[in-house]
Amino acid sequence: MNDLSRFEIGQIRHHVQVDENGWVASEGVLCRPGEEEFVYTAGSCDWLAWQFSRGSWDAEVADISPEVFIFGVQGPASLFTLEKVTGESLRDIKPDHRRTDVTTL
């Protein structure tokens, strides 16, 4: 994803970060819970933090990975399984999105 301006609030995407050689440096899930807030979870956020330290962005990086991890559940029975586990209908959630009224992130 090269243009975060088209990344909707509540949207979730698989995100691959590459180095200057095009090699995979980090892979994880990117979520946009708010207008100016992005959450990236991966096995390690070290590469992302290192990239931020090399620039002068008006942004902040905080490692929340010990407390939060985003993962995808997929497959033909995934919606039915999640509805059974949560006890509620999840059919209002668009693909690759989350409910925007959730405040846990």
PDB file of N, CA and C in Angstrom:
ATOM      1  N   MET A   1       0.850  -1.153   0.000  1.00  0.00           N
ATOM      2  CA  MET A   1       0.000   0.000   0.000  1.00  0.00           C
ATOM      3  C   MET A   1       0.903   1.225   0.000  1.00  0.00           C
ATOM      4  N   ASN A   2       0.822   2.003  -1.042  1.00  0.00           N
ATOM      5  CA  ASN A   2       1.664   3.182  -1.164  1.00  0.00           C
ATOM      6  C   ASN A   2       0.942   4.473  -0.800  1.00  0.00           C
ATOM      7  N   ASP A   3      -0.375   4.468  -0.793  1.00  0.00           N
ATOM      8  CA  ASP A   3      -1.146   5.688  -0.559  1.00  0.00           C
ATOM      9  C   ASP A   3      -2.096   5.483   0.611  1.00  0.00           C
ATOM     10  N   LEU A   4      -1.696   5.938   1.792  1.00  0.00           N
ATOM     11  CA  LEU A   4      -2.524   5.747   2.977  1.00  0.00           C
ATOM     12  C   LEU A   4      -3.741   6.655   3.003  1.00  0.00           C
ATOM     13  N   SER A   5      -3.818   7.645   2.122  1.00  0.00           N
ATOM     14  CA  SER A   5      -4.982   8.528   2.097  1.00  0.00           C
ATOM     15  C   SER A   5      -6.234   7.780   1.639  1.00  0.00           C
ATOM     16  N   ARG A   6      -6.073   6.696   0.909  1.00  0.00           N
ATOM     17  CA  ARG A   6      -7.221   5.902   0.454  1.00  0.00           C
ATOM     18  C   ARG A   6      -7.523   4.729   1.379  1.00  0.00           C
ATOM     19  N   PHE A   7      -6.786   4.636   2.473  1.00  0.00           N
ATOM     20  CA  PHE A   7      -6.958   3.569   3.456  1.00  0.00           C
ATOM     21  C   PHE A   7      -8.042   4.020   4.431  1.00  0.00           C
ATOM     22  N   GLU A   8      -9.217   3.416   4.366  1.00  0.00           N
ATOM     23  CA  GLU A   8     -10.382   3.851   5.131  1.00  0.00           C
ATOM     24  C   GLU A   8     -10.229   3.586   6.629  1.00  0.00           C
ATOM     25  N   ILE A   9     -10.869   4.426   7.434  1.00  0.00           N
ATOM     26  CA  ILE A   9     -10.934   4.176   8.869  1.00  0.00           C
ATOM     27  C   ILE A   9     -11.682   2.862   9.077  1.00  0.00           C
ATOM     28  N   GLY A  10     -11.105   1.996   9.899  1.00  0.00           N
ATOM     29  CA  GLY A  10     -11.683   0.678  10.140  1.00  0.00           C
ATOM     30  C   GLY A  10     -11.166  -0.397   9.206  1.00  0.00           C
ATOM     31  N   GLN A  11     -10.401  -0.020   8.206  1.00  0.00           N
ATOM     32  CA  GLN A  11      -9.897  -0.988   7.241  1.00  0.00           C
ATOM     33  C   GLN A  11      -8.671  -1.703   7.800  1.00  0.00           C
ATOM     34  N   ILE A  12      -8.513  -2.952   7.406  1.00  0.00           N
ATOM     35  CA  ILE A  12      -7.393  -3.792   7.825  1.00  0.00           C
ATOM     36  C   ILE A  12      -6.800  -4.425   6.573  1.00  0.00           C
ATOM     37  N   ARG A  13      -5.474  -4.432   6.478  1.00  0.00           N
ATOM     38  CA  ARG A  13      -4.819  -5.022   5.314  1.00  0.00           C
ATOM     39  C   ARG A  13      -3.546  -5.755   5.707  1.00  0.00           C
ATOM     40  N   HIS A  14      -3.263  -6.813   4.989  1.00  0.00           N
ATOM     41  CA  HIS A  14      -1.964  -7.470   5.085  1.00  0.00           C
ATOM     42  C   HIS A  14      -0.957  -6.468   4.543  1.00  0.00           C
ATOM     43  N   HIS A  15       0.155  -6.280   5.235  1.00  0.00           N
ATOM     44  CA  HIS A  15       1.106  -5.224   4.856  1.00  0.00           C
ATOM     45  C   HIS A  15       2.518  -5.787   4.843  1.00  0.00           C
ATOM     46  N   VAL A  16       3.189  -5.623   3.724  1.00  0.00           N
ATOM     47  CA  VAL A  16       4.566  -6.088   3.583  1.00  0.00           C
ATOM     48  C   VAL A  16       5.459  -4.865   3.407  1.00  0.00           C
ATOM     49  N   GLN A  17       6.493  -4.769   4.215  1.00  0.00           N
ATOM     50  CA  GLN A  17       7.461  -3.678   4.100  1.00  0.00           C
ATOM     51  C   GLN A  17       8.728  -4.253   3.480  1.00  0.00           C
ATOM     52  N   VAL A  18       9.243  -3.556   2.478  1.00  0.00           N
ATOM     53  CA  VAL A  18      10.456  -4.024   1.796  1.00  0.00           C
ATOM     54  C   VAL A  18      11.584  -3.019   1.998  1.00  0.00           C
ATOM     55  N   ASP A  19      12.810  -3.525   1.918  1.00  0.00           N
ATOM     56  CA  ASP A  19      13.974  -2.648   2.040  1.00  0.00           C
ATOM     57  C   ASP A  19      14.314  -2.063   0.671  1.00  0.00           C
ATOM     58  N   GLU A  20      15.420  -1.328   0.599  1.00  0.00           N
ATOM     59  CA  GLU A  20      15.805  -0.660  -0.651  1.00  0.00           C
ATOM     60  C   GLU A  20      16.131  -1.639  -1.775  1.00  0.00           C
ATOM     61  N   ASN A  21      16.356  -2.919  -1.453  1.00  0.00           N
ATOM     62  CA  ASN A  21      16.613  -3.944  -2.473  1.00  0.00           C
ATOM     63  C   ASN A  21      15.336  -4.666  -2.898  1.00  0.00           C
ATOM     64  N   GLY A  22      14.222  -4.335  -2.245  1.00  0.00           N
ATOM     65  CA  GLY A  22      12.969  -5.015  -2.547  1.00  0.00           C
ATOM     66  C   GLY A  22      12.791  -6.300  -1.767  1.00  0.00           C
ATOM     67  N   TRP A  23      13.652  -6.555  -0.811  1.00  0.00           N
ATOM     68  CA  TRP A  23      13.549  -7.750   0.022  1.00  0.00           C
ATOM     69  C   TRP A  23      12.578  -7.482   1.165  1.00  0.00           C
ATOM     70  N   VAL A  24      11.845  -8.502   1.563  1.00  0.00           N
ATOM     71  CA  VAL A  24      10.879  -8.357   2.648  1.00  0.00           C
ATOM     72  C   VAL A  24      11.629  -8.101   3.952  1.00  0.00           C
ATOM     73  N   ALA A  25      11.316  -6.957   4.572  1.00  0.00           N
ATOM     74  CA  ALA A  25      11.944  -6.591   5.838  1.00  0.00           C
ATOM     75  C   ALA A  25      11.001  -6.857   7.009  1.00  0.00           C
ATOM     76  N   SER A  26       9.703  -6.752   6.756  1.00  0.00           N
ATOM     77  CA  SER A  26       8.709  -6.987   7.802  1.00  0.00           C
ATOM     78  C   SER A  26       7.382  -7.294   7.133  1.00  0.00           C
ATOM     79  N   GLU A  27       6.598  -8.115   7.795  1.00  0.00           N
ATOM     80  CA  GLU A  27       5.295  -8.498   7.260  1.00  0.00           C
ATOM     81  C   GLU A  27       4.320  -8.585   8.421  1.00  0.00           C
ATOM     82  N   GLY A  28       3.162  -7.998   8.248  1.00  0.00           N
ATOM     83  CA  GLY A  28       2.188  -8.024   9.326  1.00  0.00           C
ATOM     84  C   GLY A  28       0.829  -7.534   8.866  1.00  0.00           C
ATOM     85  N   VAL A  29       0.077  -6.967   9.788  1.00  0.00           N
ATOM     86  CA  VAL A  29      -1.267  -6.481   9.514  1.00  0.00           C
ATOM     87  C   VAL A  29      -1.328  -5.008   9.908  1.00  0.00           C
ATOM     88  N   LEU A  30      -1.877  -4.195   9.014  1.00  0.00           N
ATOM     89  CA  LEU A  30      -2.022  -2.762   9.253  1.00  0.00           C
ATOM     90  C   LEU A  30      -3.499  -2.439   9.398  1.00  0.00           C
ATOM     91  N   CYS A  31      -3.833  -1.696  10.437  1.00  0.00           N
ATOM     92  CA  CYS A  31      -5.214  -1.309  10.725  1.00  0.00           C
ATOM     93  C   CYS A  31      -5.255   0.203  10.921  1.00  0.00           C
ATOM     94  N   ARG A  32      -6.356   0.817  10.476  1.00  0.00           N
ATOM     95  CA  ARG A  32      -6.529   2.257  10.670  1.00  0.00           C
ATOM     96  C   ARG A  32      -7.737   2.500  11.572  1.00  0.00           C
ATOM     97  N   PRO A  33      -7.532   2.595  12.879  1.00  0.00           N
ATOM     98  CA  PRO A  33      -8.655   2.799  13.797  1.00  0.00           C
ATOM     99  C   PRO A  33      -9.164   4.233  13.854  1.00  0.00           C
ATOM    100  N   GLY A  34      -8.369   5.212  13.418  1.00  0.00           N
ATOM    101  CA  GLY A  34      -8.802   6.611  13.486  1.00  0.00           C
ATOM    102  C   GLY A  34      -8.202   7.427  12.370  1.00  0.00           C
ATOM    103  N   GLU A  35      -8.623   8.674  12.278  1.00  0.00           N
ATOM    104  CA  GLU A  35      -8.185   9.567  11.200  1.00  0.00           C
ATOM    105  C   GLU A  35      -6.662   9.654  11.100  1.00  0.00           C
ATOM    106  N   GLU A  36      -5.980   9.812  12.226  1.00  0.00           N
ATOM    107  CA  GLU A  36      -4.524   9.941  12.217  1.00  0.00           C
ATOM    108  C   GLU A  36      -3.854   8.850  13.043  1.00  0.00           C
ATOM    109  N   GLU A  37      -4.472   7.668  13.080  1.00  0.00           N
ATOM    110  CA  GLU A  37      -3.932   6.565  13.872  1.00  0.00           C
ATOM    111  C   GLU A  37      -3.856   5.305  13.022  1.00  0.00           C
ATOM    112  N   PHE A  38      -2.708   4.659  13.066  1.00  0.00           N
ATOM    113  CA  PHE A  38      -2.496   3.400  12.365  1.00  0.00           C
ATOM    114  C   PHE A  38      -1.878   2.419  13.351  1.00  0.00           C
ATOM    115  N   VAL A  39      -2.299   1.174  13.287  1.00  0.00           N
ATOM    116  CA  VAL A  39      -1.743   0.127  14.139  1.00  0.00           C
ATOM    117  C   VAL A  39      -1.180  -0.948  13.219  1.00  0.00           C
ATOM    118  N   TYR A  40       0.087  -1.281  13.440  1.00  0.00           N
ATOM    119  CA  TYR A  40       0.758  -2.310  12.658  1.00  0.00           C
ATOM    120  C   TYR A  40       1.226  -3.391  13.618  1.00  0.00           C
ATOM    121  N   THR A  41       0.829  -4.613  13.367  1.00  0.00           N
ATOM    122  CA  THR A  41       1.291  -5.723  14.195  1.00  0.00           C
ATOM    123  C   THR A  41       2.065  -6.700  13.325  1.00  0.00           C
ATOM    124  N   ALA A  42       3.132  -7.200  13.885  1.00  0.00           N
ATOM    125  CA  ALA A  42       3.985  -8.158  13.184  1.00  0.00           C
ATOM    126  C   ALA A  42       4.752  -8.934  14.239  1.00  0.00           C
ATOM    127  N   GLY A  43       5.547  -9.878  13.814  1.00  0.00           N
ATOM    128  CA  GLY A  43       6.376 -10.606  14.755  1.00  0.00           C
ATOM    129  C   GLY A  43       7.295  -9.670  15.518  1.00  0.00           C
ATOM    130  N   SER A  44       7.781  -8.663  14.822  1.00  0.00           N
ATOM    131  CA  SER A  44       8.625  -7.642  15.444  1.00  0.00           C
ATOM    132  C   SER A  44       8.391  -6.332  14.707  1.00  0.00           C
ATOM    133  N   CYS A  45       8.380  -5.248  15.427  1.00  0.00           N
ATOM    134  CA  CYS A  45       8.223  -3.927  14.810  1.00  0.00           C
ATOM    135  C   CYS A  45       9.556  -3.190  14.785  1.00  0.00           C
ATOM    136  N   ASP A  46      10.645  -3.914  14.971  1.00  0.00           N
ATOM    137  CA  ASP A  46      11.972  -3.299  15.018  1.00  0.00           C
ATOM    138  C   ASP A  46      12.314  -2.569  13.723  1.00  0.00           C
ATOM    139  N   TRP A  47      12.017  -3.186  12.584  1.00  0.00           N
ATOM    140  CA  TRP A  47      12.366  -2.565  11.301  1.00  0.00           C
ATOM    141  C   TRP A  47      11.577  -1.280  11.099  1.00  0.00           C
ATOM    142  N   LEU A  48      10.293  -1.292  11.448  1.00  0.00           N
ATOM    143  CA  LEU A  48       9.466  -0.090  11.332  1.00  0.00           C
ATOM    144  C   LEU A  48      10.007   1.023  12.230  1.00  0.00           C
ATOM    145  N   ALA A  49      10.354   0.708  13.462  1.00  0.00           N
ATOM    146  CA  ALA A  49      10.905   1.703  14.383  1.00  0.00           C
ATOM    147  C   ALA A  49      12.237   2.245  13.864  1.00  0.00           C
ATOM    148  N   TRP A  50      13.054   1.391  13.288  1.00  0.00           N
ATOM    149  CA  TRP A  50      14.332   1.825  12.722  1.00  0.00           C
ATOM    150  C   TRP A  50      14.106   2.778  11.556  1.00  0.00           C
ATOM    151  N   GLN A  51      13.133   2.457  10.687  1.00  0.00           N
ATOM    152  CA  GLN A  51      12.823   3.344   9.564  1.00  0.00           C
ATOM    153  C   GLN A  51      12.369   4.715  10.057  1.00  0.00           C
ATOM    154  N   PHE A  52      11.531   4.735  11.081  1.00  0.00           N
ATOM    155  CA  PHE A  52      11.062   6.004  11.636  1.00  0.00           C
ATOM    156  C   PHE A  52      12.225   6.810  12.210  1.00  0.00           C
ATOM    157  N   SER A  53      13.194   6.143  12.817  1.00  0.00           N
ATOM    158  CA  SER A  53      14.326   6.858  13.415  1.00  0.00           C
ATOM    159  C   SER A  53      15.204   7.519  12.364  1.00  0.00           C
ATOM    160  N   ARG A  54      15.102   7.086  11.124  1.00  0.00           N
ATOM    161  CA  ARG A  54      15.924   7.625  10.036  1.00  0.00           C
ATOM    162  C   ARG A  54      15.294   8.840   9.367  1.00  0.00           C
ATOM    163  N   GLY A  55      14.043   9.148   9.679  1.00  0.00           N
ATOM    164  CA  GLY A  55      13.351  10.247   9.011  1.00  0.00           C
ATOM    165  C   GLY A  55      12.948  11.337   9.975  1.00  0.00           C
ATOM    166  N   SER A  56      12.225  12.311   9.457  1.00  0.00           N
ATOM    167  CA  SER A  56      11.746  13.415  10.295  1.00  0.00           C
ATOM    168  C   SER A  56      10.243  13.606  10.067  1.00  0.00           C
ATOM    169  N   TRP A  57       9.486  12.575  10.393  1.00  0.00           N
ATOM    170  CA  TRP A  57       8.044  12.616  10.220  1.00  0.00           C
ATOM    171  C   TRP A  57       7.365  13.207  11.446  1.00  0.00           C
ATOM    172  N   ASP A  58       6.212  13.779  11.223  1.00  0.00           N
ATOM    173  CA  ASP A  58       5.375  14.269  12.324  1.00  0.00           C
ATOM    174  C   ASP A  58       4.505  13.096  12.760  1.00  0.00           C
ATOM    175  N   ALA A  59       5.145  12.109  13.377  1.00  0.00           N
ATOM    176  CA  ALA A  59       4.468  10.871  13.753  1.00  0.00           C
ATOM    177  C   ALA A  59       5.165  10.286  14.973  1.00  0.00           C
ATOM    178  N   GLU A  60       4.495   9.352  15.590  1.00  0.00           N
ATOM    179  CA  GLU A  60       5.019   8.698  16.787  1.00  0.00           C
ATOM    180  C   GLU A  60       4.892   7.189  16.617  1.00  0.00           C
ATOM    181  N   VAL A  61       5.877   6.454  17.080  1.00  0.00           N
ATOM    182  CA  VAL A  61       5.852   4.996  17.040  1.00  0.00           C
ATOM    183  C   VAL A  61       5.874   4.479  18.472  1.00  0.00           C
ATOM    184  N   ALA A  62       4.953   3.578  18.774  1.00  0.00           N
ATOM    185  CA  ALA A  62       4.922   2.937  20.090  1.00  0.00           C
ATOM    186  C   ALA A  62       4.752   1.445  19.879  1.00  0.00           C
ATOM    187  N   ASP A  63       5.555   0.652  20.538  1.00  0.00           N
ATOM    188  CA  ASP A  63       5.467  -0.803  20.418  1.00  0.00           C
ATOM    189  C   ASP A  63       4.399  -1.313  21.385  1.00  0.00           C
ATOM    190  N   ILE A  64       3.256  -1.705  20.841  1.00  0.00           N
ATOM    191  CA  ILE A  64       2.163  -2.241  21.661  1.00  0.00           C
ATOM    192  C   ILE A  64       1.988  -3.738  21.433  1.00  0.00           C
ATOM    193  N   SER A  65       2.930  -4.341  20.700  1.00  0.00           N
ATOM    194  CA  SER A  65       2.780  -5.751  20.334  1.00  0.00           C
ATOM    195  C   SER A  65       2.664  -6.717  21.505  1.00  0.00           C
ATOM    196  N   PRO A  66       3.220  -6.425  22.686  1.00  0.00           N
ATOM    197  CA  PRO A  66       2.969  -7.360  23.794  1.00  0.00           C
ATOM    198  C   PRO A  66       1.499  -7.392  24.225  1.00  0.00           C
ATOM    199  N   GLU A  67       0.755  -6.301  23.984  1.00  0.00           N
ATOM    200  CA  GLU A  67      -0.642  -6.226  24.419  1.00  0.00           C
ATOM    201  C   GLU A  67      -1.642  -6.498  23.294  1.00  0.00           C
ATOM    202  N   VAL A  68      -1.276  -6.178  22.048  1.00  0.00           N
ATOM    203  CA  VAL A  68      -2.231  -6.232  20.933  1.00  0.00           C
ATOM    204  C   VAL A  68      -1.626  -6.998  19.768  1.00  0.00           C
ATOM    205  N   PHE A  69      -2.411  -7.872  19.192  1.00  0.00           N
ATOM    206  CA  PHE A  69      -2.009  -8.526  17.954  1.00  0.00           C
ATOM    207  C   PHE A  69      -3.246  -8.713  17.108  1.00  0.00           C
ATOM    208  N   ILE A  70      -3.174  -8.349  15.857  1.00  0.00           N
ATOM    209  CA  ILE A  70      -4.302  -8.481  14.928  1.00  0.00           C
ATOM    210  C   ILE A  70      -4.036  -9.700  14.059  1.00  0.00           C
ATOM    211  N   PHE A  71      -5.033 -10.541  13.916  1.00  0.00           N
ATOM    212  CA  PHE A  71      -4.878 -11.683  13.029  1.00  0.00           C
ATOM    213  C   PHE A  71      -6.165 -11.872  12.241  1.00  0.00           C
ATOM    214  N   GLY A  72      -6.046 -12.489  11.086  1.00  0.00           N
ATOM    215  CA  GLY A  72      -7.197 -12.723  10.226  1.00  0.00           C
ATOM    216  C   GLY A  72      -7.745 -14.120  10.411  1.00  0.00           C
ATOM    217  N   VAL A  73      -9.039 -14.215  10.362  1.00  0.00           N
ATOM    218  CA  VAL A  73      -9.715 -15.505  10.372  1.00  0.00           C
ATOM    219  C   VAL A  73     -10.427 -15.611   9.035  1.00  0.00           C
ATOM    220  N   GLN A  74     -10.131 -16.662   8.298  1.00  0.00           N
ATOM    221  CA  GLN A  74     -10.698 -16.776   6.967  1.00  0.00           C
ATOM    222  C   GLN A  74     -11.088 -18.207   6.652  1.00  0.00           C
ATOM    223  N   GLY A  75     -11.841 -18.340   5.597  1.00  0.00           N
ATOM    224  CA  GLY A  75     -12.302 -19.641   5.172  1.00  0.00           C
ATOM    225  C   GLY A  75     -13.814 -19.660   5.077  1.00  0.00           C
ATOM    226  N   PRO A  76     -14.382 -20.691   4.452  1.00  0.00           N
ATOM    227  CA  PRO A  76     -15.817 -20.722   4.194  1.00  0.00           C
ATOM    228  C   PRO A  76     -16.684 -20.750   5.452  1.00  0.00           C
ATOM    229  N   ALA A  77     -16.182 -21.239   6.561  1.00  0.00           N
ATOM    230  CA  ALA A  77     -16.987 -21.306   7.787  1.00  0.00           C
ATOM    231  C   ALA A  77     -16.593 -20.238   8.802  1.00  0.00           C
ATOM    232  N   SER A  78     -15.678 -19.331   8.445  1.00  0.00           N
ATOM    233  CA  SER A  78     -15.147 -18.381   9.425  1.00  0.00           C
ATOM    234  C   SER A  78     -16.219 -17.447   9.982  1.00  0.00           C
ATOM    235  N   LEU A  79     -17.088 -16.909   9.149  1.00  0.00           N
ATOM    236  CA  LEU A  79     -18.115 -15.986   9.645  1.00  0.00           C
ATOM    237  C   LEU A  79     -19.046 -16.693  10.626  1.00  0.00           C
ATOM    238  N   PHE A  80     -19.494 -17.874  10.282  1.00  0.00           N
ATOM    239  CA  PHE A  80     -20.392 -18.621  11.159  1.00  0.00           C
ATOM    240  C   PHE A  80     -19.705 -18.983  12.483  1.00  0.00           C
ATOM    241  N   THR A  81     -18.424 -19.361  12.399  1.00  0.00           N
ATOM    242  CA  THR A  81     -17.671 -19.718  13.600  1.00  0.00           C
ATOM    243  C   THR A  81     -17.514 -18.510  14.517  1.00  0.00           C
ATOM    244  N   LEU A  82     -17.134 -17.358  13.949  1.00  0.00           N
ATOM    245  CA  LEU A  82     -16.958 -16.154  14.763  1.00  0.00           C
ATOM    246  C   LEU A  82     -18.275 -15.670  15.363  1.00  0.00           C
ATOM    247  N   GLU A  83     -19.359 -15.793  14.616  1.00  0.00           N
ATOM    248  CA  GLU A  83     -20.664 -15.408  15.159  1.00  0.00           C
ATOM    249  C   GLU A  83     -21.055 -16.310  16.325  1.00  0.00           C
ATOM    250  N   LYS A  84     -20.752 -17.590  16.211  1.00  0.00           N
ATOM    251  CA  LYS A  84     -21.069 -18.509  17.297  1.00  0.00           C
ATOM    252  C   LYS A  84     -20.236 -18.182  18.537  1.00  0.00           C
ATOM    253  N   VAL A  85     -18.947 -17.892  18.339  1.00  0.00           N
ATOM    254  CA  VAL A  85     -18.058 -17.589  19.460  1.00  0.00           C
ATOM    255  C   VAL A  85     -18.444 -16.266  20.133  1.00  0.00           C
ATOM    256  N   THR A  86     -18.774 -15.247  19.342  1.00  0.00           N
ATOM    257  CA  THR A  86     -19.087 -13.930  19.908  1.00  0.00           C
ATOM    258  C   THR A  86     -20.541 -13.797  20.344  1.00  0.00           C
ATOM    259  N   GLY A  87     -21.418 -14.646  19.815  1.00  0.00           N
ATOM    260  CA  GLY A  87     -22.834 -14.570  20.159  1.00  0.00           C
ATOM    261  C   GLY A  87     -23.555 -13.398  19.518  1.00  0.00           C
ATOM    262  N   GLU A  88     -23.008 -12.859  18.442  1.00  0.00           N
ATOM    263  CA  GLU A  88     -23.659 -11.744  17.759  1.00  0.00           C
ATOM    264  C   GLU A  88     -23.457 -11.834  16.256  1.00  0.00           C
ATOM    265  N   SER A  89     -24.275 -11.112  15.522  1.00  0.00           N
ATOM    266  CA  SER A  89     -24.138 -11.066  14.068  1.00  0.00           C
ATOM    267  C   SER A  89     -22.955 -10.173  13.700  1.00  0.00           C
ATOM    268  N   LEU A  90     -22.147 -10.633  12.774  1.00  0.00           N
ATOM    269  CA  LEU A  90     -20.995  -9.866  12.304  1.00  0.00           C
ATOM    270  C   LEU A  90     -21.142  -9.500  10.831  1.00  0.00           C
ATOM    271  N   ARG A  91     -22.351  -9.606  10.303  1.00  0.00           N
ATOM    272  CA  ARG A  91     -22.576  -9.414   8.870  1.00  0.00           C
ATOM    273  C   ARG A  91     -22.543  -7.962   8.427  1.00  0.00           C
ATOM    274  N   ASP A  92     -22.464  -7.031   9.374  1.00  0.00           N
ATOM    275  CA  ASP A  92     -22.371  -5.620   9.022  1.00  0.00           C
ATOM    276  C   ASP A  92     -20.929  -5.197   8.733  1.00  0.00           C
ATOM    277  N   ILE A  93     -19.969  -6.068   8.983  1.00  0.00           N
ATOM    278  CA  ILE A  93     -18.560  -5.725   8.782  1.00  0.00           C
ATOM    279  C   ILE A  93     -18.160  -6.060   7.348  1.00  0.00           C
ATOM    280  N   LYS A  94     -17.655  -5.055   6.623  1.00  0.00           N
ATOM    281  CA  LYS A  94     -17.199  -5.272   5.254  1.00  0.00           C
ATOM    282  C   LYS A  94     -15.913  -6.102   5.270  1.00  0.00           C
ATOM    283  N   PRO A  95     -15.623  -6.812   4.176  1.00  0.00           N
ATOM    284  CA  PRO A  95     -14.366  -7.564   4.104  1.00  0.00           C
ATOM    285  C   PRO A  95     -13.167  -6.642   4.339  1.00  0.00           C
ATOM    286  N   ASP A  96     -12.159  -7.129   5.046  1.00  0.00           N
ATOM    287  CA  ASP A  96     -10.941  -6.393   5.368  1.00  0.00           C
ATOM    288  C   ASP A  96     -11.209  -5.145   6.200  1.00  0.00           C
ATOM    289  N   HIS A  97     -12.221  -5.191   7.037  1.00  0.00           N
ATOM    290  CA  HIS A  97     -12.557  -4.077   7.922  1.00  0.00           C
ATOM    291  C   HIS A  97     -12.832  -4.604   9.326  1.00  0.00           C
ATOM    292  N   ARG A  98     -12.958  -3.682  10.246  1.00  0.00           N
ATOM    293  CA  ARG A  98     -13.392  -3.994  11.596  1.00  0.00           C
ATOM    294  C   ARG A  98     -14.447  -2.978  11.955  1.00  0.00           C
ATOM    295  N   ARG A  99     -15.162  -3.222  13.013  1.00  0.00           N
ATOM    296  CA  ARG A  99     -16.132  -2.238  13.472  1.00  0.00           C
ATOM    297  C   ARG A  99     -15.381  -1.028  13.985  1.00  0.00           C
ATOM    298  N   THR A 100     -15.800   0.159  13.563  1.00  0.00           N
ATOM    299  CA  THR A 100     -15.084   1.368  13.964  1.00  0.00           C
ATOM    300  C   THR A 100     -15.476   1.848  15.356  1.00  0.00           C
ATOM    301  N   ASP A 101     -16.539   1.273  15.938  1.00  0.00           N
ATOM    302  CA  ASP A 101     -16.933   1.688  17.276  1.00  0.00           C
ATOM    303  C   ASP A 101     -16.199   0.921  18.370  1.00  0.00           C
ATOM    304  N   VAL A 102     -15.328   0.017  17.997  1.00  0.00           N
ATOM    305  CA  VAL A 102     -14.556  -0.754  18.976  1.00  0.00           C
ATOM    306  C   VAL A 102     -13.411   0.124  19.463  1.00  0.00           C
ATOM    307  N   THR A 103     -13.238   0.211  20.761  1.00  0.00           N
ATOM    308  CA  THR A 103     -12.219   1.116  21.311  1.00  0.00           C
ATOM    309  C   THR A 103     -11.042   0.370  21.932  1.00  0.00           C
ATOM    310  N   THR A 104     -10.860  -0.887  21.591  1.00  0.00           N
ATOM    311  CA  THR A 104      -9.785  -1.648  22.218  1.00  0.00           C
ATOM    312  C   THR A 104      -8.427  -1.383  21.579  1.00  0.00           C
ATOM    313  N   LEU A 105      -8.382  -0.756  20.427  1.00  0.00           N
ATOM    314  CA  LEU A 105      -7.076  -0.466  19.802  1.00  0.00           C
ATOM    315  C   LEU A 105      -6.652   0.939  20.119  1.00  0.00           C
TER     316      LEU A 105
END
